[in-house]
């Protein structure tokens, strides 16, 4: 089954004039980004939605921060994408080039519907 979902962020496809669509794998990657970059309380009608990664930016970069980030990411993805993905691994490291003002989160997961392995990277700055 080939499925197409609305792309995030929502936009109009300039060719068709319709709402832009994304493949299922791309759509799930976009949902992961949306969950991880949304802070709890940011959405008025769903205040518990999100992960809260941005609040960790000002914490000292340490093994404790990496473990906390991994737990936050796994917890948020297990809660909001249960039944769609299985998280295999979450890696946390400084941003590109060892930039400690950023957090690079790499999520390895399996799409349950297709059993395909995917990787999504998110830089929080």
PDB file of N, CA and C in Angstrom:
ATOM      1  N   UNK A   1       0.838  -1.173   0.000  1.00  0.00           N
ATOM      2  CA  UNK A   1       0.000   0.000   0.000  1.00  0.00           C
ATOM      3  C   UNK A   1       0.890   1.246   0.000  1.00  0.00           C
ATOM      4  N   UNK A   2       0.655   2.128  -0.914  1.00  0.00           N
ATOM      5  CA  UNK A   2       1.377   3.394  -0.957  1.00  0.00           C
ATOM      6  C   UNK A   2       0.489   4.440  -0.306  1.00  0.00           C
ATOM      7  N   UNK A   3       1.047   5.103   0.675  1.00  0.00           N
ATOM      8  CA  UNK A   3       0.260   6.123   1.352  1.00  0.00           C
ATOM      9  C   UNK A   3       0.974   7.456   1.255  1.00  0.00           C
ATOM     10  N   UNK A   4       0.174   8.465   1.205  1.00  0.00           N
ATOM     11  CA  UNK A   4       0.708   9.826   1.197  1.00  0.00           C
ATOM     12  C   UNK A   4      -0.045  10.627   2.247  1.00  0.00           C
ATOM     13  N   UNK A   5       0.700  11.384   2.999  1.00  0.00           N
ATOM     14  CA  UNK A   5       0.131  12.208   4.055  1.00  0.00           C
ATOM     15  C   UNK A   5       0.502  13.660   3.784  1.00  0.00           C
ATOM     16  N   UNK A   6      -0.172  14.565   4.465  1.00  0.00           N
ATOM     17  CA  UNK A   6       0.161  15.976   4.314  1.00  0.00           C
ATOM     18  C   UNK A   6       1.570  16.235   4.818  1.00  0.00           C
ATOM     19  N   UNK A   7       2.289  17.073   4.103  1.00  0.00           N
ATOM     20  CA  UNK A   7       3.651  17.437   4.492  1.00  0.00           C
ATOM     21  C   UNK A   7       3.595  18.422   5.657  1.00  0.00           C
ATOM     22  N   UNK A   8       4.629  18.394   6.460  1.00  0.00           N
ATOM     23  CA  UNK A   8       4.764  19.351   7.549  1.00  0.00           C
ATOM     24  C   UNK A   8       6.084  20.073   7.377  1.00  0.00           C
ATOM     25  N   UNK A   9       6.138  21.375   7.452  1.00  0.00           N
ATOM     26  CA  UNK A   9       5.003  22.247   7.708  1.00  0.00           C
ATOM     27  C   UNK A   9       4.060  22.298   6.509  1.00  0.00           C
ATOM     28  N   UNK A  10       2.803  22.576   6.795  1.00  0.00           N
ATOM     29  CA  UNK A  10       1.782  22.623   5.759  1.00  0.00           C
ATOM     30  C   UNK A  10       2.154  23.682   4.732  1.00  0.00           C
ATOM     31  N   UNK A  11       2.016  23.312   3.471  1.00  0.00           N
ATOM     32  CA  UNK A  11       2.311  24.251   2.390  1.00  0.00           C
ATOM     33  C   UNK A  11       1.549  23.814   1.136  1.00  0.00           C
ATOM     34  N   UNK A  12       1.492  24.686   0.181  1.00  0.00           N
ATOM     35  CA  UNK A  12       0.828  24.398  -1.095  1.00  0.00           C
ATOM     36  C   UNK A  12       1.887  23.974  -2.101  1.00  0.00           C
ATOM     37  N   UNK A  13       1.624  22.881  -2.798  1.00  0.00           N
ATOM     38  CA  UNK A  13       2.515  22.405  -3.852  1.00  0.00           C
ATOM     39  C   UNK A  13       2.379  23.359  -5.034  1.00  0.00           C
ATOM     40  N   UNK A  14       3.473  23.996  -5.464  1.00  0.00           N
ATOM     41  CA  UNK A  14       3.372  24.979  -6.548  1.00  0.00           C
ATOM     42  C   UNK A  14       2.960  24.369  -7.885  1.00  0.00           C
ATOM     43  N   UNK A  15       3.215  23.086  -8.079  1.00  0.00           N
ATOM     44  CA  UNK A  15       2.873  22.443  -9.352  1.00  0.00           C
ATOM     45  C   UNK A  15       1.388  22.116  -9.419  1.00  0.00           C
ATOM     46  N   UNK A  16       0.865  21.465  -8.375  1.00  0.00           N
ATOM     47  CA  UNK A  16      -0.527  21.013  -8.402  1.00  0.00           C
ATOM     48  C   UNK A  16      -1.502  22.038  -7.832  1.00  0.00           C
ATOM     49  N   UNK A  17      -1.001  22.968  -7.021  1.00  0.00           N
ATOM     50  CA  UNK A  17      -1.894  23.922  -6.376  1.00  0.00           C
ATOM     51  C   UNK A  17      -2.651  23.319  -5.200  1.00  0.00           C
ATOM     52  N   UNK A  18      -2.355  22.069  -4.867  1.00  0.00           N
ATOM     53  CA  UNK A  18      -2.999  21.361  -3.755  1.00  0.00           C
ATOM     54  C   UNK A  18      -2.074  21.359  -2.544  1.00  0.00           C
ATOM     55  N   UNK A  19      -2.584  20.857  -1.439  1.00  0.00           N
ATOM     56  CA  UNK A  19      -1.755  20.717  -0.239  1.00  0.00           C
ATOM     57  C   UNK A  19      -0.609  19.758  -0.551  1.00  0.00           C
ATOM     58  N   UNK A  20       0.609  20.141  -0.167  1.00  0.00           N
ATOM     59  CA  UNK A  20       1.783  19.290  -0.416  1.00  0.00           C
ATOM     60  C   UNK A  20       1.651  17.996   0.376  1.00  0.00           C
ATOM     61  N   UNK A  21       2.101  16.911  -0.242  1.00  0.00           N
ATOM     62  CA  UNK A  21       2.046  15.609   0.402  1.00  0.00           C
ATOM     63  C   UNK A  21       3.449  15.062   0.574  1.00  0.00           C
ATOM     64  N   UNK A  22       3.571  14.122   1.503  1.00  0.00           N
ATOM     65  CA  UNK A  22       4.850  13.465   1.766  1.00  0.00           C
ATOM     66  C   UNK A  22       4.609  11.969   1.827  1.00  0.00           C
ATOM     67  N   UNK A  23       5.625  11.199   1.486  1.00  0.00           N
ATOM     68  CA  UNK A  23       5.516   9.749   1.633  1.00  0.00           C
ATOM     69  C   UNK A  23       5.364   9.432   3.115  1.00  0.00           C
ATOM     70  N   UNK A  24       4.931   8.227   3.421  1.00  0.00           N
ATOM     71  CA  UNK A  24       4.706   7.850   4.817  1.00  0.00           C
ATOM     72  C   UNK A  24       5.983   7.975   5.643  1.00  0.00           C
ATOM     73  N   UNK A  25       7.104   7.507   5.109  1.00  0.00           N
ATOM     74  CA  UNK A  25       8.372   7.594   5.838  1.00  0.00           C
ATOM     75  C   UNK A  25       8.771   9.031   6.116  1.00  0.00           C
ATOM     76  N   UNK A  26       8.618   9.898   5.111  1.00  0.00           N
ATOM     77  CA  UNK A  26       8.941  11.316   5.294  1.00  0.00           C
ATOM     78  C   UNK A  26       7.979  11.965   6.286  1.00  0.00           C
ATOM     79  N   UNK A  27       6.712  11.583   6.212  1.00  0.00           N
ATOM     80  CA  UNK A  27       5.704  12.131   7.123  1.00  0.00           C
ATOM     81  C   UNK A  27       6.022  11.782   8.579  1.00  0.00           C
ATOM     82  N   UNK A  28       6.415  10.544   8.832  1.00  0.00           N
ATOM     83  CA  UNK A  28       6.768  10.139  10.195  1.00  0.00           C
ATOM     84  C   UNK A  28       7.999  10.914  10.667  1.00  0.00           C
ATOM     85  N   UNK A  29       8.989  11.096   9.788  1.00  0.00           N
ATOM     86  CA  UNK A  29      10.155  11.901  10.141  1.00  0.00           C
ATOM     87  C   UNK A  29       9.766  13.327  10.497  1.00  0.00           C
ATOM     88  N   UNK A  30       8.801  13.885   9.763  1.00  0.00           N
ATOM     89  CA  UNK A  30       8.318  15.231  10.048  1.00  0.00           C
ATOM     90  C   UNK A  30       7.572  15.273  11.384  1.00  0.00           C
ATOM     91  N   UNK A  31       6.812  14.214  11.691  1.00  0.00           N
ATOM     92  CA  UNK A  31       6.115  14.158  12.977  1.00  0.00           C
ATOM     93  C   UNK A  31       7.110  14.068  14.131  1.00  0.00           C
ATOM     94  N   UNK A  32       8.183  13.305  13.953  1.00  0.00           N
ATOM     95  CA  UNK A  32       9.212  13.206  14.991  1.00  0.00           C
ATOM     96  C   UNK A  32       9.799  14.584  15.265  1.00  0.00           C
ATOM     97  N   UNK A  33      10.137  15.294  14.211  1.00  0.00           N
ATOM     98  CA  UNK A  33      10.694  16.648  14.352  1.00  0.00           C
ATOM     99  C   UNK A  33       9.697  17.561  15.076  1.00  0.00           C
ATOM    100  N   UNK A  34       8.437  17.466  14.719  1.00  0.00           N
ATOM    101  CA  UNK A  34       7.399  18.293  15.331  1.00  0.00           C
ATOM    102  C   UNK A  34       7.275  17.985  16.829  1.00  0.00           C
ATOM    103  N   UNK A  35       7.288  16.720  17.195  1.00  0.00           N
ATOM    104  CA  UNK A  35       7.178  16.328  18.605  1.00  0.00           C
ATOM    105  C   UNK A  35       8.381  16.821  19.395  1.00  0.00           C
ATOM    106  N   UNK A  36       9.573  16.592  18.865  1.00  0.00           N
ATOM    107  CA  UNK A  36      10.777  16.908  19.623  1.00  0.00           C
ATOM    108  C   UNK A  36      11.049  18.403  19.739  1.00  0.00           C
ATOM    109  N   UNK A  37      10.613  19.184  18.769  1.00  0.00           N
ATOM    110  CA  UNK A  37      10.888  20.620  18.807  1.00  0.00           C
ATOM    111  C   UNK A  37       9.740  21.442  19.395  1.00  0.00           C
ATOM    112  N   UNK A  38       8.677  20.779  19.838  1.00  0.00           N
ATOM    113  CA  UNK A  38       7.571  21.460  20.502  1.00  0.00           C
ATOM    114  C   UNK A  38       7.750  21.321  22.008  1.00  0.00           C
ATOM    115  N   UNK A  39       7.628  22.418  22.718  1.00  0.00           N
ATOM    116  CA  UNK A  39       7.730  22.390  24.179  1.00  0.00           C
ATOM    117  C   UNK A  39       6.355  22.139  24.781  1.00  0.00           C
ATOM    118  N   UNK A  40       6.274  21.317  25.825  1.00  0.00           N
ATOM    119  CA  UNK A  40       4.983  21.141  26.501  1.00  0.00           C
ATOM    120  C   UNK A  40       4.429  22.499  26.934  1.00  0.00           C
ATOM    121  N   UNK A  41       3.139  22.692  26.707  1.00  0.00           N
ATOM    122  CA  UNK A  41       2.497  23.963  27.017  1.00  0.00           C
ATOM    123  C   UNK A  41       2.432  24.904  25.830  1.00  0.00           C
ATOM    124  N   UNK A  42       3.146  24.589  24.767  1.00  0.00           N
ATOM    125  CA  UNK A  42       3.182  25.456  23.588  1.00  0.00           C
ATOM    126  C   UNK A  42       1.878  25.389  22.796  1.00  0.00           C
ATOM    127  N   UNK A  43       1.222  24.254  22.802  1.00  0.00           N
ATOM    128  CA  UNK A  43      -0.045  24.089  22.091  1.00  0.00           C
ATOM    129  C   UNK A  43      -1.202  24.290  23.057  1.00  0.00           C
ATOM    130  N   UNK A  44      -2.041  25.235  22.750  1.00  0.00           N
ATOM    131  CA  UNK A  44      -3.128  25.596  23.649  1.00  0.00           C
ATOM    132  C   UNK A  44      -4.109  24.440  23.846  1.00  0.00           C
ATOM    133  N   UNK A  45      -4.501  23.776  22.783  1.00  0.00           N
ATOM    134  CA  UNK A  45      -5.508  22.724  22.885  1.00  0.00           C
ATOM    135  C   UNK A  45      -4.947  21.359  23.250  1.00  0.00           C
ATOM    136  N   UNK A  46      -3.633  21.229  23.294  1.00  0.00           N
ATOM    137  CA  UNK A  46      -2.999  19.966  23.674  1.00  0.00           C
ATOM    138  C   UNK A  46      -1.723  20.307  24.446  1.00  0.00           C
ATOM    139  N   UNK A  47      -1.868  20.857  25.657  1.00  0.00           N
ATOM    140  CA  UNK A  47      -0.707  21.394  26.375  1.00  0.00           C
ATOM    141  C   UNK A  47       0.342  20.361  26.763  1.00  0.00           C
ATOM    142  N   UNK A  48      -0.009  19.097  26.837  1.00  0.00           N
ATOM    143  CA  UNK A  48       0.979  18.080  27.211  1.00  0.00           C
ATOM    144  C   UNK A  48       1.802  17.587  26.020  1.00  0.00           C
ATOM    145  N   UNK A  49       1.458  18.016  24.809  1.00  0.00           N
ATOM    146  CA  UNK A  49       2.161  17.585  23.604  1.00  0.00           C
ATOM    147  C   UNK A  49       3.571  18.158  23.574  1.00  0.00           C
ATOM    148  N   UNK A  50       4.516  17.355  23.134  1.00  0.00           N
ATOM    149  CA  UNK A  50       5.880  17.827  22.938  1.00  0.00           C
ATOM    150  C   UNK A  50       6.884  17.067  23.767  1.00  0.00           C
ATOM    151  N   UNK A  51       8.109  17.573  23.739  1.00  0.00           N
ATOM    152  CA  UNK A  51       9.213  16.877  24.390  1.00  0.00           C
ATOM    153  C   UNK A  51       9.976  17.760  25.365  1.00  0.00           C
ATOM    154  N   UNK A  52      10.176  19.008  25.036  1.00  0.00           N
ATOM    155  CA  UNK A  52      10.904  19.902  25.926  1.00  0.00           C
ATOM    156  C   UNK A  52      12.409  19.884  25.752  1.00  0.00           C
ATOM    157  N   UNK A  53      12.880  19.539  24.564  1.00  0.00           N
ATOM    158  CA  UNK A  53      14.327  19.495  24.332  1.00  0.00           C
ATOM    159  C   UNK A  53      14.996  20.855  24.464  1.00  0.00           C
ATOM    160  N   UNK A  54      14.320  21.894  24.035  1.00  0.00           N
ATOM    161  CA  UNK A  54      14.951  23.222  24.039  1.00  0.00           C
ATOM    162  C   UNK A  54      15.328  23.685  25.443  1.00  0.00           C
ATOM    163  N   UNK A  55      14.614  23.219  26.458  1.00  0.00           N
ATOM    164  CA  UNK A  55      14.946  23.635  27.826  1.00  0.00           C
ATOM    165  C   UNK A  55      16.262  23.035  28.296  1.00  0.00           C
ATOM    166  N   UNK A  56      16.761  22.015  27.594  1.00  0.00           N
ATOM    167  CA  UNK A  56      18.024  21.386  27.975  1.00  0.00           C
ATOM    168  C   UNK A  56      19.243  22.091  27.382  1.00  0.00           C
ATOM    169  N   UNK A  57      19.026  23.031  26.483  1.00  0.00           N
ATOM    170  CA  UNK A  57      20.141  23.694  25.804  1.00  0.00           C
ATOM    171  C   UNK A  57      21.086  24.413  26.753  1.00  0.00           C
ATOM    172  N   UNK A  58      20.576  24.914  27.845  1.00  0.00           N
ATOM    173  CA  UNK A  58      21.403  25.707  28.747  1.00  0.00           C
ATOM    174  C   UNK A  58      21.987  24.885  29.887  1.00  0.00           C
ATOM    175  N   UNK A  59      21.722  23.586  29.882  1.00  0.00           N
ATOM    176  CA  UNK A  59      22.314  22.699  30.890  1.00  0.00           C
ATOM    177  C   UNK A  59      23.740  22.362  30.462  1.00  0.00           C
ATOM    178  N   UNK A  60      24.633  22.116  31.426  1.00  0.00           N
ATOM    179  CA  UNK A  60      26.005  21.745  31.064  1.00  0.00           C
ATOM    180  C   UNK A  60      26.014  20.435  30.271  1.00  0.00           C
ATOM    181  N   UNK A  61      26.760  20.420  29.182  1.00  0.00           N
ATOM    182  CA  UNK A  61      26.819  19.227  28.344  1.00  0.00           C
ATOM    183  C   UNK A  61      27.639  18.160  29.069  1.00  0.00           C
ATOM    184  N   UNK A  62      26.972  17.088  29.460  1.00  0.00           N
ATOM    185  CA  UNK A  62      27.617  16.035  30.243  1.00  0.00           C
ATOM    186  C   UNK A  62      26.947  14.705  29.938  1.00  0.00           C
ATOM    187  N   UNK A  63      27.460  13.644  30.549  1.00  0.00           N
ATOM    188  CA  UNK A  63      26.831  12.330  30.391  1.00  0.00           C
ATOM    189  C   UNK A  63      25.408  12.348  30.945  1.00  0.00           C
ATOM    190  N   UNK A  64      25.207  13.100  32.029  1.00  0.00           N
ATOM    191  CA  UNK A  64      23.874  13.219  32.619  1.00  0.00           C
ATOM    192  C   UNK A  64      22.888  13.874  31.675  1.00  0.00           C
ATOM    193  N   UNK A  65      23.341  14.913  30.977  1.00  0.00           N
ATOM    194  CA  UNK A  65      22.482  15.590  30.005  1.00  0.00           C
ATOM    195  C   UNK A  65      22.140  14.647  28.856  1.00  0.00           C
ATOM    196  N   UNK A  66      23.113  13.892  28.404  1.00  0.00           N
ATOM    197  CA  UNK A  66      22.860  12.947  27.315  1.00  0.00           C
ATOM    198  C   UNK A  66      21.848  11.888  27.733  1.00  0.00           C
ATOM    199  N   UNK A  67      21.974  11.362  28.940  1.00  0.00           N
ATOM    200  CA  UNK A  67      21.034  10.349  29.431  1.00  0.00           C
ATOM    201  C   UNK A  67      19.634  10.945  29.586  1.00  0.00           C
ATOM    202  N   UNK A  68      19.553  12.164  30.113  1.00  0.00           N
ATOM    203  CA  UNK A  68      18.261  12.836  30.272  1.00  0.00           C
ATOM    204  C   UNK A  68      17.606  13.068  28.915  1.00  0.00           C
ATOM    205  N   UNK A  69      18.393  13.512  27.952  1.00  0.00           N
ATOM    206  CA  UNK A  69      17.873  13.759  26.604  1.00  0.00           C
ATOM    207  C   UNK A  69      17.360  12.466  25.983  1.00  0.00           C
ATOM    208  N   UNK A  70      18.112  11.387  26.122  1.00  0.00           N
ATOM    209  CA  UNK A  70      17.677  10.098  25.584  1.00  0.00           C
ATOM    210  C   UNK A  70      16.348   9.668  26.198  1.00  0.00           C
ATOM    211  N   UNK A  71      16.208   9.822  27.510  1.00  0.00           N
ATOM    212  CA  UNK A  71      14.956   9.448  28.175  1.00  0.00           C
ATOM    213  C   UNK A  71      13.790  10.317  27.717  1.00  0.00           C
ATOM    214  N   UNK A  72      14.016  11.624  27.600  1.00  0.00           N
ATOM    215  CA  UNK A  72      12.959  12.525  27.129  1.00  0.00           C
ATOM    216  C   UNK A  72      12.503  12.159  25.719  1.00  0.00           C
ATOM    217  N   UNK A  73      13.473  11.923  24.839  1.00  0.00           N
ATOM    218  CA  UNK A  73      13.152  11.606  23.441  1.00  0.00           C
ATOM    219  C   UNK A  73      12.398  10.284  23.357  1.00  0.00           C
ATOM    220  N   UNK A  74      12.912   9.254  23.996  1.00  0.00           N
ATOM    221  CA  UNK A  74      12.238   7.946  23.969  1.00  0.00           C
ATOM    222  C   UNK A  74      10.831   8.033  24.548  1.00  0.00           C
ATOM    223  N   UNK A  75      10.692   8.731  25.670  1.00  0.00           N
ATOM    224  CA  UNK A  75       9.381   8.864  26.307  1.00  0.00           C
ATOM    225  C   UNK A  75       8.377   9.574  25.419  1.00  0.00           C
ATOM    226  N   UNK A  76       8.798  10.679  24.800  1.00  0.00           N
ATOM    227  CA  UNK A  76       7.899  11.441  23.930  1.00  0.00           C
ATOM    228  C   UNK A  76       7.503  10.637  22.696  1.00  0.00           C
ATOM    229  N   UNK A  77       8.477   9.963  22.079  1.00  0.00           N
ATOM    230  CA  UNK A  77       8.162   9.192  20.870  1.00  0.00           C
ATOM    231  C   UNK A  77       7.307   7.976  21.198  1.00  0.00           C
ATOM    232  N   UNK A  78       7.583   7.328  22.325  1.00  0.00           N
ATOM    233  CA  UNK A  78       6.751   6.188  22.731  1.00  0.00           C
ATOM    234  C   UNK A  78       5.323   6.633  23.025  1.00  0.00           C
ATOM    235  N   UNK A  79       5.174   7.821  23.567  1.00  0.00           N
ATOM    236  CA  UNK A  79       3.832   8.310  23.890  1.00  0.00           C
ATOM    237  C   UNK A  79       3.061   8.743  22.644  1.00  0.00           C
ATOM    238  N   UNK A  80       3.672   9.562  21.812  1.00  0.00           N
ATOM    239  CA  UNK A  80       2.945  10.192  20.717  1.00  0.00           C
ATOM    240  C   UNK A  80       2.960   9.398  19.417  1.00  0.00           C
ATOM    241  N   UNK A  81       3.909   8.492  19.249  1.00  0.00           N
ATOM    242  CA  UNK A  81       3.960   7.717  18.004  1.00  0.00           C
ATOM    243  C   UNK A  81       3.867   6.215  18.255  1.00  0.00           C
ATOM    244  N   UNK A  82       3.309   5.838  19.390  1.00  0.00           N
ATOM    245  CA  UNK A  82       3.121   4.414  19.683  1.00  0.00           C
ATOM    246  C   UNK A  82       2.240   3.804  18.592  1.00  0.00           C
ATOM    247  N   UNK A  83       2.616   2.652  18.121  1.00  0.00           N
ATOM    248  CA  UNK A  83       1.869   1.996  17.057  1.00  0.00           C
ATOM    249  C   UNK A  83       2.329   2.387  15.664  1.00  0.00           C
ATOM    250  N   UNK A  84       3.136   3.437  15.556  1.00  0.00           N
ATOM    251  CA  UNK A  84       3.651   3.850  14.255  1.00  0.00           C
ATOM    252  C   UNK A  84       5.135   3.566  14.103  1.00  0.00           C
ATOM    253  N   UNK A  85       5.888   3.731  15.209  1.00  0.00           N
ATOM    254  CA  UNK A  85       7.323   3.446  15.153  1.00  0.00           C
ATOM    255  C   UNK A  85       7.755   2.665  16.387  1.00  0.00           C
ATOM    256  N   UNK A  86       8.876   1.981  16.242  1.00  0.00           N
ATOM    257  CA  UNK A  86       9.576   1.372  17.366  1.00  0.00           C
ATOM    258  C   UNK A  86      10.952   2.015  17.401  1.00  0.00           C
ATOM    259  N   UNK A  87      11.256   2.693  18.493  1.00  0.00           N
ATOM    260  CA  UNK A  87      12.552   3.357  18.618  1.00  0.00           C
ATOM    261  C   UNK A  87      13.613   2.300  18.891  1.00  0.00           C
ATOM    262  N   UNK A  88      14.654   2.281  18.067  1.00  0.00           N
ATOM    263  CA  UNK A  88      15.745   1.321  18.204  1.00  0.00           C
ATOM    264  C   UNK A  88      16.875   1.931  19.018  1.00  0.00           C
ATOM    265  N   UNK A  89      17.234   3.177  18.703  1.00  0.00           N
ATOM    266  CA  UNK A  89      18.375   3.802  19.361  1.00  0.00           C
ATOM    267  C   UNK A  89      18.227   5.320  19.318  1.00  0.00           C
ATOM    268  N   UNK A  90      18.678   5.971  20.382  1.00  0.00           N
ATOM    269  CA  UNK A  90      18.737   7.430  20.434  1.00  0.00           C
ATOM    270  C   UNK A  90      20.154   7.801  20.831  1.00  0.00           C
ATOM    271  N   UNK A  91      20.819   8.573  19.981  1.00  0.00           N
ATOM    272  CA  UNK A  91      22.173   9.044  20.280  1.00  0.00           C
ATOM    273  C   UNK A  91      22.132  10.555  20.450  1.00  0.00           C
ATOM    274  N   UNK A  92      22.867  11.032  21.436  1.00  0.00           N
ATOM    275  CA  UNK A  92      22.925  12.461  21.715  1.00  0.00           C
ATOM    276  C   UNK A  92      24.385  12.881  21.713  1.00  0.00           C
ATOM    277  N   UNK A  93      24.682  13.966  20.997  1.00  0.00           N
ATOM    278  CA  UNK A  93      26.059  14.453  20.931  1.00  0.00           C
ATOM    279  C   UNK A  93      26.037  15.968  20.739  1.00  0.00           C
ATOM    280  N   UNK A  94      27.203  16.621  20.905  1.00  0.00           N
ATOM    281  CA  UNK A  94      27.259  18.059  20.601  1.00  0.00           C
ATOM    282  C   UNK A  94      26.924  18.286  19.125  1.00  0.00           C
ATOM    283  N   UNK A  95      26.579  19.509  18.787  1.00  0.00           N
ATOM    284  CA  UNK A  95      26.228  19.839  17.410  1.00  0.00           C
ATOM    285  C   UNK A  95      27.377  19.629  16.442  1.00  0.00           C
ATOM    286  N   UNK A  96      27.145  20.010  15.200  1.00  0.00           N
ATOM    287  CA  UNK A  96      28.129  19.820  14.135  1.00  0.00           C
ATOM    288  C   UNK A  96      29.459  20.458  14.503  1.00  0.00           C
ATOM    289  N   UNK A  97      30.529  19.729  14.274  1.00  0.00           N
ATOM    290  CA  UNK A  97      31.866  20.234  14.561  1.00  0.00           C
ATOM    291  C   UNK A  97      32.152  20.362  16.047  1.00  0.00           C
ATOM    292  N   UNK A  98      31.411  19.631  16.877  1.00  0.00           N
ATOM    293  CA  UNK A  98      31.638  19.685  18.324  1.00  0.00           C
ATOM    294  C   UNK A  98      31.100  20.946  18.978  1.00  0.00           C
ATOM    295  N   UNK A  99      30.138  21.596  18.343  1.00  0.00           N
ATOM    296  CA  UNK A  99      29.549  22.829  18.868  1.00  0.00           C
ATOM    297  C   UNK A  99      28.685  22.510  20.089  1.00  0.00           C
ATOM    298  N   UNK A 100      29.166  22.903  21.270  1.00  0.00           N
ATOM    299  CA  UNK A 100      28.462  22.592  22.508  1.00  0.00           C
ATOM    300  C   UNK A 100      27.261  23.499  22.766  1.00  0.00           C
ATOM    301  N   UNK A 101      27.010  24.468  21.895  1.00  0.00           N
ATOM    302  CA  UNK A 101      25.814  25.295  22.038  1.00  0.00           C
ATOM    303  C   UNK A 101      24.626  24.648  21.331  1.00  0.00           C
ATOM    304  N   UNK A 102      24.852  23.487  20.740  1.00  0.00           N
ATOM    305  CA  UNK A 102      23.803  22.738  20.055  1.00  0.00           C
ATOM    306  C   UNK A 102      23.786  21.306  20.574  1.00  0.00           C
ATOM    307  N   UNK A 103      22.625  20.671  20.422  1.00  0.00           N
ATOM    308  CA  UNK A 103      22.498  19.250  20.736  1.00  0.00           C
ATOM    309  C   UNK A 103      22.067  18.547  19.455  1.00  0.00           C
ATOM    310  N   UNK A 104      22.820  17.541  19.052  1.00  0.00           N
ATOM    311  CA  UNK A 104      22.470  16.729  17.890  1.00  0.00           C
ATOM    312  C   UNK A 104      21.841  15.438  18.400  1.00  0.00           C
ATOM    313  N   UNK A 105      20.589  15.211  18.028  1.00  0.00           N
ATOM    314  CA  UNK A 105      19.869  14.004  18.435  1.00  0.00           C
ATOM    315  C   UNK A 105      19.651  13.153  17.192  1.00  0.00           C
ATOM    316  N   UNK A 106      20.150  11.923  17.226  1.00  0.00           N
ATOM    317  CA  UNK A 106      19.983  10.983  16.116  1.00  0.00           C
ATOM    318  C   UNK A 106      19.071   9.861  16.591  1.00  0.00           C
ATOM    319  N   UNK A 107      17.947   9.686  15.908  1.00  0.00           N
ATOM    320  CA  UNK A 107      16.972   8.673  16.285  1.00  0.00           C
ATOM    321  C   UNK A 107      16.930   7.609  15.203  1.00  0.00           C
ATOM    322  N   UNK A 108      17.156   6.384  15.606  1.00  0.00           N
ATOM    323  CA  UNK A 108      17.038   5.240  14.705  1.00  0.00           C
ATOM    324  C   UNK A 108      15.759   4.514  15.108  1.00  0.00           C
ATOM    325  N   UNK A 109      14.892   4.261  14.132  1.00  0.00           N
ATOM    326  CA  UNK A 109      13.597   3.659  14.442  1.00  0.00           C
ATOM    327  C   UNK A 109      13.131   2.778  13.290  1.00  0.00           C
ATOM    328  N   UNK A 110      12.124   1.970  13.578  1.00  0.00           N
ATOM    329  CA  UNK A 110      11.525   1.096  12.574  1.00  0.00           C
ATOM    330  C   UNK A 110      10.079   1.537  12.380  1.00  0.00           C
ATOM    331  N   UNK A 111       9.688   1.753  11.126  1.00  0.00           N
ATOM    332  CA  UNK A 111       8.286   2.039  10.812  1.00  0.00           C
ATOM    333  C   UNK A 111       7.516   0.731  10.944  1.00  0.00           C
ATOM    334  N   UNK A 112       6.557   0.683  11.828  1.00  0.00           N
ATOM    335  CA  UNK A 112       5.833  -0.563  12.079  1.00  0.00           C
ATOM    336  C   UNK A 112       5.067  -1.014  10.842  1.00  0.00           C
ATOM    337  N   UNK A 113       4.467  -0.081  10.125  1.00  0.00           N
ATOM    338  CA  UNK A 113       3.643  -0.428   8.963  1.00  0.00           C
ATOM    339  C   UNK A 113       4.444  -1.112   7.853  1.00  0.00           C
ATOM    340  N   UNK A 114       5.687  -0.675   7.645  1.00  0.00           N
ATOM    341  CA  UNK A 114       6.482  -1.216   6.538  1.00  0.00           C
ATOM    342  C   UNK A 114       7.680  -2.037   7.003  1.00  0.00           C
ATOM    343  N   UNK A 115       7.961  -2.020   8.303  1.00  0.00           N
ATOM    344  CA  UNK A 115       9.121  -2.703   8.887  1.00  0.00           C
ATOM    345  C   UNK A 115      10.441  -2.200   8.304  1.00  0.00           C
ATOM    346  N   UNK A 116      10.468  -0.957   7.843  1.00  0.00           N
ATOM    347  CA  UNK A 116      11.706  -0.386   7.307  1.00  0.00           C
ATOM    348  C   UNK A 116      12.395   0.449   8.382  1.00  0.00           C
ATOM    349  N   UNK A 117      13.715   0.367   8.396  1.00  0.00           N
ATOM    350  CA  UNK A 117      14.515   1.109   9.369  1.00  0.00           C
ATOM    351  C   UNK A 117      14.783   2.507   8.823  1.00  0.00           C
ATOM    352  N   UNK A 118      14.623   3.505   9.676  1.00  0.00           N
ATOM    353  CA  UNK A 118      14.808   4.902   9.300  1.00  0.00           C
ATOM    354  C   UNK A 118      15.717   5.581  10.317  1.00  0.00           C
ATOM    355  N   UNK A 119      16.332   6.675   9.914  1.00  0.00           N
ATOM    356  CA  UNK A 119      17.151   7.486  10.815  1.00  0.00           C
ATOM    357  C   UNK A 119      16.767   8.949  10.601  1.00  0.00           C
ATOM    358  N   UNK A 120      16.541   9.651  11.700  1.00  0.00           N
ATOM    359  CA  UNK A 120      16.246  11.077  11.653  1.00  0.00           C
ATOM    360  C   UNK A 120      17.213  11.799  12.575  1.00  0.00           C
ATOM    361  N   UNK A 121      17.789  12.891  12.087  1.00  0.00           N
ATOM    362  CA  UNK A 121      18.684  13.715  12.906  1.00  0.00           C
ATOM    363  C   UNK A 121      18.038  15.072  13.133  1.00  0.00           C
ATOM    364  N   UNK A 122      18.146  15.546  14.361  1.00  0.00           N
ATOM    365  CA  UNK A 122      17.594  16.845  14.714  1.00  0.00           C
ATOM    366  C   UNK A 122      18.651  17.621  15.477  1.00  0.00           C
ATOM    367  N   UNK A 123      18.890  18.847  15.055  1.00  0.00           N
ATOM    368  CA  UNK A 123      19.809  19.725  15.770  1.00  0.00           C
ATOM    369  C   UNK A 123      18.965  20.723  16.547  1.00  0.00           C
ATOM    370  N   UNK A 124      19.180  20.752  17.845  1.00  0.00           N
ATOM    371  CA  UNK A 124      18.461  21.686  18.708  1.00  0.00           C
ATOM    372  C   UNK A 124      19.426  22.810  19.046  1.00  0.00           C
ATOM    373  N   UNK A 125      19.039  24.032  18.709  1.00  0.00           N
ATOM    374  CA  UNK A 125      19.930  25.166  18.987  1.00  0.00           C
ATOM    375  C   UNK A 125      19.149  26.339  19.526  1.00  0.00           C
TER     376      UNK A 125
END
